Amino acid sequence: MERMLAGDETKLQVQGTLDLTVARAQNNYSLAARLQDLGKRVRASISWAVLLHMSMTMRQLRSAVGWTSVSLSSMA
Protein backbone atom coordinates (compact mmCIF):
# COMPACT_ATOMS: atom_id res chain seq x y z
CA MET A 1 0.00 0.00 0.00
CA GLU A 2 2.81 2.40 0.93
CA ARG A 3 4.61 1.56 -2.30
CA MET A 4 1.48 2.39 -4.29
CA LEU A 5 1.17 5.73 -2.52
CA ALA A 6 4.86 6.46 -3.10
CA GLY A 7 4.45 5.49 -6.76
CA ASP A 8 1.41 7.74 -7.12
CA GLU A 9 3.27 10.59 -5.46
CA THR A 10 6.19 10.10 -7.85
CA LYS A 11 3.80 10.08 -10.81
CA LEU A 12 2.23 13.31 -9.58
CA GLN A 13 5.67 14.91 -9.16
CA VAL A 14 6.71 13.82 -12.64
CA GLN A 15 3.40 15.04 -14.13
CA GLY A 16 3.77 18.35 -12.30
CA THR A 17 7.31 18.74 -13.61
CA LEU A 18 6.16 17.93 -17.15
CA ASP A 19 3.26 20.38 -16.91
CA LEU A 20 5.61 23.08 -15.67
CA THR A 21 8.10 22.32 -18.45
CA VAL A 22 5.36 22.49 -21.09
CA ALA A 23 4.04 25.76 -19.64
CA ARG A 24 7.55 27.26 -19.71
CA ALA A 25 8.11 26.10 -23.27
CA GLN A 26 4.79 27.63 -24.36
CA ASN A 27 5.64 30.85 -22.56
CA ASN A 28 9.08 30.97 -24.21
CA TYR A 29 7.54 30.32 -27.62
CA SER A 30 4.96 33.05 -27.05
CA LEU A 31 7.68 35.46 -25.93
CA ALA A 32 9.80 34.62 -28.98
CA ALA A 33 6.82 35.20 -31.27
CA ARG A 34 6.07 38.56 -29.64
CA LEU A 35 9.72 39.62 -29.92
CA GLN A 36 9.79 38.60 -33.57
CA ASP A 37 6.62 40.63 -34.22
CA LEU A 38 8.11 43.60 -32.39
CA GLY A 39 11.27 43.29 -34.48
CA LYS A 40 9.22 43.41 -37.67
CA ARG A 41 7.38 46.52 -36.48
CA VAL A 42 10.63 48.24 -35.51
CA ARG A 43 12.17 47.45 -38.91
CA ALA A 44 9.05 48.78 -40.65
CA SER A 45 9.15 51.97 -38.55
CA ILE A 46 12.83 52.48 -39.30
CA SER A 47 12.15 51.94 -43.01
CA TRP A 48 9.42 54.57 -42.97
CA ALA A 49 11.64 56.98 -41.05
CA VAL A 50 14.45 56.51 -43.57
CA LEU A 51 12.08 57.01 -46.51
CA LEU A 52 10.62 60.14 -44.93
CA HIS A 53 14.10 61.52 -44.26
CA MET A 54 15.18 60.73 -47.83
CA SER A 55 12.13 62.49 -49.27
CA MET A 56 12.76 65.53 -47.09
CA THR A 57 16.40 65.54 -48.13
CA MET A 58 15.39 65.32 -51.80
CA ARG A 59 13.01 68.27 -51.35
CA GLN A 60 15.78 70.31 -49.74
CA LEU A 61 18.16 69.31 -52.51
CA ARG A 62 15.64 70.28 -55.20
CA SER A 63 15.03 73.55 -53.40
CA ALA A 64 18.76 74.26 -53.26
CA VAL A 65 19.16 73.39 -56.94
CA GLY A 66 16.20 75.63 -57.73
CA TRP A 67 17.81 78.52 -55.89
CA THR A 68 21.10 77.92 -57.68
CA SER A 69 19.46 77.93 -61.09
CA VAL A 70 17.49 81.08 -60.22
CA SER A 71 20.70 82.76 -59.01
CA LEU A 72 22.59 81.77 -62.14
CA SER A 73 19.80 82.91 -64.46
CA SER A 74 19.53 86.29 -62.70
CA MET A 75 23.29 86.77 -63.00
CA ALA A 76 23.28 86.10 -66.74
PDB file of N, CA and C in Angstrom:
ATOM      1  N   MET A   1       0.819  -1.191   0.000  1.00  0.00           N
ATOM      2  CA  MET A   1       0.000   0.000   0.000  1.00  0.00           C
ATOM      3  C   MET A   1       0.877   1.275   0.000  1.00  0.00           C
ATOM      4  N   GLU A   2       1.918   1.250   0.878  1.00  0.00           N
ATOM      5  CA  GLU A   2       2.811   2.397   0.931  1.00  0.00           C
ATOM      6  C   GLU A   2       3.543   2.587  -0.387  1.00  0.00           C
ATOM      7  N   ARG A   3       3.923   1.474  -1.010  1.00  0.00           N
ATOM      8  CA  ARG A   3       4.614   1.562  -2.297  1.00  0.00           C
ATOM      9  C   ARG A   3       3.693   2.174  -3.351  1.00  0.00           C
ATOM     10  N   MET A   4       2.430   1.820  -3.330  1.00  0.00           N
ATOM     11  CA  MET A   4       1.477   2.393  -4.295  1.00  0.00           C
ATOM     12  C   MET A   4       1.351   3.890  -4.086  1.00  0.00           C
ATOM     13  N   LEU A   5       1.270   4.300  -2.811  1.00  0.00           N
ATOM     14  CA  LEU A   5       1.169   5.729  -2.517  1.00  0.00           C
ATOM     15  C   LEU A   5       2.444   6.461  -2.951  1.00  0.00           C
ATOM     16  N   ALA A   6       3.587   5.849  -2.681  1.00  0.00           N
ATOM     17  CA  ALA A   6       4.857   6.458  -3.096  1.00  0.00           C
ATOM     18  C   ALA A   6       4.934   6.530  -4.616  1.00  0.00           C
ATOM     19  N   GLY A   7       4.473   5.477  -5.293  1.00  0.00           N
ATOM     20  CA  GLY A   7       4.455   5.492  -6.762  1.00  0.00           C
ATOM     21  C   GLY A   7       3.528   6.558  -7.302  1.00  0.00           C
ATOM     22  N   ASP A   8       2.351   6.703  -6.691  1.00  0.00           N
ATOM     23  CA  ASP A   8       1.406   7.736  -7.117  1.00  0.00           C
ATOM     24  C   ASP A   8       1.983   9.139  -6.898  1.00  0.00           C
ATOM     25  N   GLU A   9       2.665   9.286  -5.756  1.00  0.00           N
ATOM     26  CA  GLU A   9       3.275  10.587  -5.461  1.00  0.00           C
ATOM     27  C   GLU A   9       4.360  10.909  -6.489  1.00  0.00           C
ATOM     28  N   THR A  10       5.147   9.911  -6.835  1.00  0.00           N
ATOM     29  CA  THR A  10       6.191  10.105  -7.846  1.00  0.00           C
ATOM     30  C   THR A  10       5.572  10.463  -9.185  1.00  0.00           C
ATOM     31  N   LYS A  11       4.486   9.780  -9.553  1.00  0.00           N
ATOM     32  CA  LYS A  11       3.797  10.084 -10.815  1.00  0.00           C
ATOM     33  C   LYS A  11       3.293  11.522 -10.811  1.00  0.00           C
ATOM     34  N   LEU A  12       2.734  11.943  -9.673  1.00  0.00           N
ATOM     35  CA  LEU A  12       2.232  13.314  -9.581  1.00  0.00           C
ATOM     36  C   LEU A  12       3.377  14.325  -9.697  1.00  0.00           C
ATOM     37  N   GLN A  13       4.518  14.005  -9.058  1.00  0.00           N
ATOM     38  CA  GLN A  13       5.668  14.908  -9.155  1.00  0.00           C
ATOM     39  C   GLN A  13       6.173  14.996 -10.592  1.00  0.00           C
ATOM     40  N   VAL A  14       6.252  13.845 -11.253  1.00  0.00           N
ATOM     41  CA  VAL A  14       6.714  13.824 -12.641  1.00  0.00           C
ATOM     42  C   VAL A  14       5.724  14.587 -13.518  1.00  0.00           C
ATOM     43  N   GLN A  15       4.421  14.340 -13.328  1.00  0.00           N
ATOM     44  CA  GLN A  15       3.405  15.036 -14.129  1.00  0.00           C
ATOM     45  C   GLN A  15       3.465  16.541 -13.879  1.00  0.00           C
ATOM     46  N   GLY A  16       3.656  16.921 -12.626  1.00  0.00           N
ATOM     47  CA  GLY A  16       3.766  18.348 -12.297  1.00  0.00           C
ATOM     48  C   GLY A  16       4.976  18.975 -12.965  1.00  0.00           C
ATOM     49  N   THR A  17       6.087  18.249 -12.959  1.00  0.00           N
ATOM     50  CA  THR A  17       7.306  18.740 -13.605  1.00  0.00           C
ATOM     51  C   THR A  17       7.091  18.867 -15.114  1.00  0.00           C
ATOM     52  N   LEU A  18       6.441  17.863 -15.709  1.00  0.00           N
ATOM     53  CA  LEU A  18       6.159  17.926 -17.152  1.00  0.00           C
ATOM     54  C   LEU A  18       5.231  19.086 -17.485  1.00  0.00           C
ATOM     55  N   ASP A  19       4.188  19.266 -16.674  1.00  0.00           N
ATOM     56  CA  ASP A  19       3.260  20.379 -16.905  1.00  0.00           C
ATOM     57  C   ASP A  19       3.986  21.719 -16.825  1.00  0.00           C
ATOM     58  N   LEU A  20       4.853  21.841 -15.829  1.00  0.00           N
ATOM     59  CA  LEU A  20       5.614  23.077 -15.668  1.00  0.00           C
ATOM     60  C   LEU A  20       6.554  23.299 -16.846  1.00  0.00           C
ATOM     61  N   THR A  21       7.188  22.221 -17.307  1.00  0.00           N
ATOM     62  CA  THR A  21       8.099  22.323 -18.447  1.00  0.00           C
ATOM     63  C   THR A  21       7.343  22.734 -19.704  1.00  0.00           C
ATOM     64  N   VAL A  22       6.179  22.141 -19.924  1.00  0.00           N
ATOM     65  CA  VAL A  22       5.359  22.491 -21.089  1.00  0.00           C
ATOM     66  C   VAL A  22       4.912  23.949 -20.998  1.00  0.00           C
ATOM     67  N   ALA A  23       4.482  24.374 -19.824  1.00  0.00           N
ATOM     68  CA  ALA A  23       4.043  25.763 -19.639  1.00  0.00           C
ATOM     69  C   ALA A  23       5.191  26.731 -19.920  1.00  0.00           C
ATOM     70  N   ARG A  24       6.389  26.395 -19.443  1.00  0.00           N
ATOM     71  CA  ARG A  24       7.548  27.261 -19.706  1.00  0.00           C
ATOM     72  C   ARG A  24       7.887  27.303 -21.188  1.00  0.00           C
ATOM     73  N   ALA A  25       7.808  26.147 -21.831  1.00  0.00           N
ATOM     74  CA  ALA A  25       8.107  26.103 -23.268  1.00  0.00           C
ATOM     75  C   ALA A  25       7.095  26.933 -24.047  1.00  0.00           C
ATOM     76  N   GLN A  26       5.816  26.826 -23.680  1.00  0.00           N
ATOM     77  CA  GLN A  26       4.788  27.628 -24.359  1.00  0.00           C
ATOM     78  C   GLN A  26       5.007  29.111 -24.111  1.00  0.00           C
ATOM     79  N   ASN A  27       5.374  29.457 -22.893  1.00  0.00           N
ATOM     80  CA  ASN A  27       5.641  30.853 -22.562  1.00  0.00           C
ATOM     81  C   ASN A  27       6.833  31.372 -23.356  1.00  0.00           C
ATOM     82  N   ASN A  28       7.891  30.566 -23.436  1.00  0.00           N
ATOM     83  CA  ASN A  28       9.078  30.975 -24.205  1.00  0.00           C
ATOM     84  C   ASN A  28       8.749  31.144 -25.682  1.00  0.00           C
ATOM     85  N   TYR A  29       7.932  30.225 -26.219  1.00  0.00           N
ATOM     86  CA  TYR A  29       7.538  30.322 -27.624  1.00  0.00           C
ATOM     87  C   TYR A  29       6.714  31.582 -27.848  1.00  0.00           C
ATOM     88  N   SER A  30       5.798  31.853 -26.937  1.00  0.00           N
ATOM     89  CA  SER A  30       4.963  33.050 -27.047  1.00  0.00           C
ATOM     90  C   SER A  30       5.823  34.312 -26.979  1.00  0.00           C
ATOM     91  N   LEU A  31       6.783  34.314 -26.058  1.00  0.00           N
ATOM     92  CA  LEU A  31       7.680  35.463 -25.933  1.00  0.00           C
ATOM     93  C   LEU A  31       8.507  35.643 -27.201  1.00  0.00           C
ATOM     94  N   ALA A  32       9.002  34.544 -27.743  1.00  0.00           N
ATOM     95  CA  ALA A  32       9.797  34.620 -28.976  1.00  0.00           C
ATOM     96  C   ALA A  32       8.948  35.161 -30.129  1.00  0.00           C
ATOM     97  N   ALA A  33       7.707  34.717 -30.208  1.00  0.00           N
ATOM     98  CA  ALA A  33       6.817  35.198 -31.270  1.00  0.00           C
ATOM     99  C   ALA A  33       6.539  36.695 -31.108  1.00  0.00           C
ATOM    100  N   ARG A  34       6.324  37.127 -29.873  1.00  0.00           N
ATOM    101  CA  ARG A  34       6.073  38.558 -29.640  1.00  0.00           C
ATOM    102  C   ARG A  34       7.305  39.395 -29.966  1.00  0.00           C
ATOM    103  N   LEU A  35       8.485  38.896 -29.596  1.00  0.00           N
ATOM    104  CA  LEU A  35       9.715  39.624 -29.918  1.00  0.00           C
ATOM    105  C   LEU A  35       9.948  39.694 -31.415  1.00  0.00           C
ATOM    106  N   GLN A  36       9.636  38.603 -32.118  1.00  0.00           N
ATOM    107  CA  GLN A  36       9.790  38.600 -33.570  1.00  0.00           C
ATOM    108  C   GLN A  36       8.835  39.611 -34.204  1.00  0.00           C
ATOM    109  N   ASP A  37       7.593  39.668 -33.715  1.00  0.00           N
ATOM    110  CA  ASP A  37       6.624  40.630 -34.222  1.00  0.00           C
ATOM    111  C   ASP A  37       7.083  42.063 -33.936  1.00  0.00           C
ATOM    112  N   LEU A  38       7.598  42.278 -32.740  1.00  0.00           N
ATOM    113  CA  LEU A  38       8.106  43.600 -32.387  1.00  0.00           C
ATOM    114  C   LEU A  38       9.268  43.996 -33.290  1.00  0.00           C
ATOM    115  N   GLY A  39      10.150  43.034 -33.580  1.00  0.00           N
ATOM    116  CA  GLY A  39      11.266  43.294 -34.479  1.00  0.00           C
ATOM    117  C   GLY A  39      10.805  43.709 -35.862  1.00  0.00           C
ATOM    118  N   LYS A  40       9.761  43.054 -36.354  1.00  0.00           N
ATOM    119  CA  LYS A  40       9.218  43.410 -37.671  1.00  0.00           C
ATOM    120  C   LYS A  40       8.658  44.826 -37.655  1.00  0.00           C
ATOM    121  N   ARG A  41       7.951  45.161 -36.566  1.00  0.00           N
ATOM    122  CA  ARG A  41       7.382  46.516 -36.477  1.00  0.00           C
ATOM    123  C   ARG A  41       8.469  47.569 -36.395  1.00  0.00           C
ATOM    124  N   VAL A  42       9.522  47.283 -35.632  1.00  0.00           N
ATOM    125  CA  VAL A  42      10.626  48.241 -35.508  1.00  0.00           C
ATOM    126  C   VAL A  42      11.300  48.436 -36.862  1.00  0.00           C
ATOM    127  N   ARG A  43      11.543  47.330 -37.581  1.00  0.00           N
ATOM    128  CA  ARG A  43      12.168  47.454 -38.910  1.00  0.00           C
ATOM    129  C   ARG A  43      11.279  48.260 -39.848  1.00  0.00           C
ATOM    130  N   ALA A  44       9.970  48.029 -39.795  1.00  0.00           N
ATOM    131  CA  ALA A  44       9.049  48.781 -40.650  1.00  0.00           C
ATOM    132  C   ALA A  44       9.072  50.266 -40.280  1.00  0.00           C
ATOM    133  N   SER A  45       9.107  50.570 -38.993  1.00  0.00           N
ATOM    134  CA  SER A  45       9.149  51.968 -38.548  1.00  0.00           C
ATOM    135  C   SER A  45      10.439  52.636 -39.000  1.00  0.00           C
ATOM    136  N   ILE A  46      11.545  51.919 -38.868  1.00  0.00           N
ATOM    137  CA  ILE A  46      12.830  52.478 -39.300  1.00  0.00           C
ATOM    138  C   ILE A  46      12.811  52.717 -40.805  1.00  0.00           C
ATOM    139  N   SER A  47      12.233  51.771 -41.554  1.00  0.00           N
ATOM    140  CA  SER A  47      12.154  51.938 -43.005  1.00  0.00           C
ATOM    141  C   SER A  47      11.365  53.185 -43.364  1.00  0.00           C
ATOM    142  N   TRP A  48      10.216  53.382 -42.695  1.00  0.00           N
ATOM    143  CA  TRP A  48       9.416  54.574 -42.975  1.00  0.00           C
ATOM    144  C   TRP A  48      10.172  55.838 -42.596  1.00  0.00           C
ATOM    145  N   ALA A  49      10.880  55.798 -41.476  1.00  0.00           N
ATOM    146  CA  ALA A  49      11.639  56.978 -41.054  1.00  0.00           C
ATOM    147  C   ALA A  49      12.735  57.307 -42.064  1.00  0.00           C
ATOM    148  N   VAL A  50      13.399  56.285 -42.574  1.00  0.00           N
ATOM    149  CA  VAL A  50      14.450  56.506 -43.574  1.00  0.00           C
ATOM    150  C   VAL A  50      13.847  57.070 -44.855  1.00  0.00           C
ATOM    151  N   LEU A  51      12.726  56.500 -45.295  1.00  0.00           N
ATOM    152  CA  LEU A  51      12.079  57.014 -46.510  1.00  0.00           C
ATOM    153  C   LEU A  51      11.627  58.462 -46.342  1.00  0.00           C
ATOM    154  N   LEU A  52      11.065  58.773 -45.189  1.00  0.00           N
ATOM    155  CA  LEU A  52      10.619  60.140 -44.930  1.00  0.00           C
ATOM    156  C   LEU A  52      11.815  61.092 -44.933  1.00  0.00           C
ATOM    157  N   HIS A  53      12.890  60.685 -44.286  1.00  0.00           N
ATOM    158  CA  HIS A  53      14.096  61.521 -44.260  1.00  0.00           C
ATOM    159  C   HIS A  53      14.650  61.719 -45.664  1.00  0.00           C
ATOM    160  N   MET A  54      14.669  60.629 -46.456  1.00  0.00           N
ATOM    161  CA  MET A  54      15.177  60.734 -47.827  1.00  0.00           C
ATOM    162  C   MET A  54      14.308  61.686 -48.652  1.00  0.00           C
ATOM    163  N   SER A  55      12.989  61.604 -48.485  1.00  0.00           N
ATOM    164  CA  SER A  55      12.127  62.489 -49.274  1.00  0.00           C
ATOM    165  C   SER A  55      12.324  63.941 -48.847  1.00  0.00           C
ATOM    166  N   MET A  56      12.509  64.159 -47.542  1.00  0.00           N
ATOM    167  CA  MET A  56      12.759  65.534 -47.086  1.00  0.00           C
ATOM    168  C   MET A  56      14.096  66.028 -47.615  1.00  0.00           C
ATOM    169  N   THR A  57      15.090  65.163 -47.613  1.00  0.00           N
ATOM    170  CA  THR A  57      16.404  65.540 -48.133  1.00  0.00           C
ATOM    171  C   THR A  57      16.318  65.857 -49.623  1.00  0.00           C
ATOM    172  N   MET A  58      15.549  65.061 -50.362  1.00  0.00           N
ATOM    173  CA  MET A  58      15.388  65.319 -51.796  1.00  0.00           C
ATOM    174  C   MET A  58      14.691  66.655 -52.030  1.00  0.00           C
ATOM    175  N   ARG A  59      13.688  66.973 -51.214  1.00  0.00           N
ATOM    176  CA  ARG A  59      13.010  68.272 -51.352  1.00  0.00           C
ATOM    177  C   ARG A  59      13.990  69.408 -51.093  1.00  0.00           C
ATOM    178  N   GLN A  60      14.796  69.272 -50.042  1.00  0.00           N
ATOM    179  CA  GLN A  60      15.781  70.306 -49.735  1.00  0.00           C
ATOM    180  C   GLN A  60      16.799  70.432 -50.860  1.00  0.00           C
ATOM    181  N   LEU A  61      17.196  69.300 -51.419  1.00  0.00           N
ATOM    182  CA  LEU A  61      18.158  69.309 -52.511  1.00  0.00           C
ATOM    183  C   LEU A  61      17.555  69.993 -53.743  1.00  0.00           C
ATOM    184  N   ARG A  62      16.299  69.625 -54.054  1.00  0.00           N
ATOM    185  CA  ARG A  62      15.637  70.281 -55.197  1.00  0.00           C
ATOM    186  C   ARG A  62      15.492  71.778 -54.962  1.00  0.00           C
ATOM    187  N   SER A  63      15.167  72.135 -53.734  1.00  0.00           N
ATOM    188  CA  SER A  63      15.030  73.545 -53.397  1.00  0.00           C
ATOM    189  C   SER A  63      16.367  74.267 -53.588  1.00  0.00           C
ATOM    190  N   ALA A  64      17.445  73.649 -53.117  1.00  0.00           N
ATOM    191  CA  ALA A  64      18.763  74.259 -53.263  1.00  0.00           C
ATOM    192  C   ALA A  64      19.145  74.370 -54.728  1.00  0.00           C
ATOM    193  N   VAL A  65      18.860  73.357 -55.514  1.00  0.00           N
ATOM    194  CA  VAL A  65      19.160  73.386 -56.942  1.00  0.00           C
ATOM    195  C   VAL A  65      18.319  74.466 -57.617  1.00  0.00           C
ATOM    196  N   GLY A  66      17.075  74.579 -57.184  1.00  0.00           N
ATOM    197  CA  GLY A  66      16.201  75.627 -57.726  1.00  0.00           C
ATOM    198  C   GLY A  66      16.762  77.009 -57.456  1.00  0.00           C
ATOM    199  N   TRP A  67      17.212  77.228 -56.227  1.00  0.00           N
ATOM    200  CA  TRP A  67      17.810  78.520 -55.892  1.00  0.00           C
ATOM    201  C   TRP A  67      19.067  78.779 -56.697  1.00  0.00           C
ATOM    202  N   THR A  68      19.859  77.763 -56.914  1.00  0.00           N
ATOM    203  CA  THR A  68      21.098  77.918 -57.678  1.00  0.00           C
ATOM    204  C   THR A  68      20.774  78.301 -59.116  1.00  0.00           C
ATOM    205  N   SER A  69      19.784  77.613 -59.700  1.00  0.00           N
ATOM    206  CA  SER A  69      19.457  77.929 -61.092  1.00  0.00           C
ATOM    207  C   SER A  69      18.855  79.321 -61.208  1.00  0.00           C
ATOM    208  N   VAL A  70      18.050  79.729 -60.201  1.00  0.00           N
ATOM    209  CA  VAL A  70      17.492  81.084 -60.221  1.00  0.00           C
ATOM    210  C   VAL A  70      18.621  82.104 -60.088  1.00  0.00           C
ATOM    211  N   SER A  71      19.578  81.838 -59.209  1.00  0.00           N
ATOM    212  CA  SER A  71      20.697  82.755 -59.007  1.00  0.00           C
ATOM    213  C   SER A  71      21.530  82.867 -60.275  1.00  0.00           C
ATOM    214  N   LEU A  72      21.790  81.749 -60.917  1.00  0.00           N
ATOM    215  CA  LEU A  72      22.592  81.774 -62.138  1.00  0.00           C
ATOM    216  C   LEU A  72      21.853  82.487 -63.264  1.00  0.00           C
ATOM    217  N   SER A  73      20.546  82.269 -63.378  1.00  0.00           N
ATOM    218  CA  SER A  73      19.799  82.913 -64.464  1.00  0.00           C
ATOM    219  C   SER A  73      19.692  84.418 -64.222  1.00  0.00           C
ATOM    220  N   SER A  74      19.616  84.849 -62.969  1.00  0.00           N
ATOM    221  CA  SER A  74      19.530  86.289 -62.705  1.00  0.00           C
ATOM    222  C   SER A  74      20.889  86.959 -62.919  1.00  0.00           C
ATOM    223  N   MET A  75      21.961  86.204 -62.784  1.00  0.00           N
ATOM    224  CA  MET A  75      23.289  86.769 -63.004  1.00  0.00           C
ATOM    225  C   MET A  75      23.575  86.925 -64.502  1.00  0.00           C
ATOM    226  N   ALA A  76      22.971  86.100 -65.309  1.00  0.00           N
ATOM    227  CA  ALA A  76      23.280  86.098 -66.737  1.00  0.00           C
ATOM    228  C   ALA A  76      22.620  87.203 -67.483  1.00  0.00           C
TER     229      ALA A  76
END
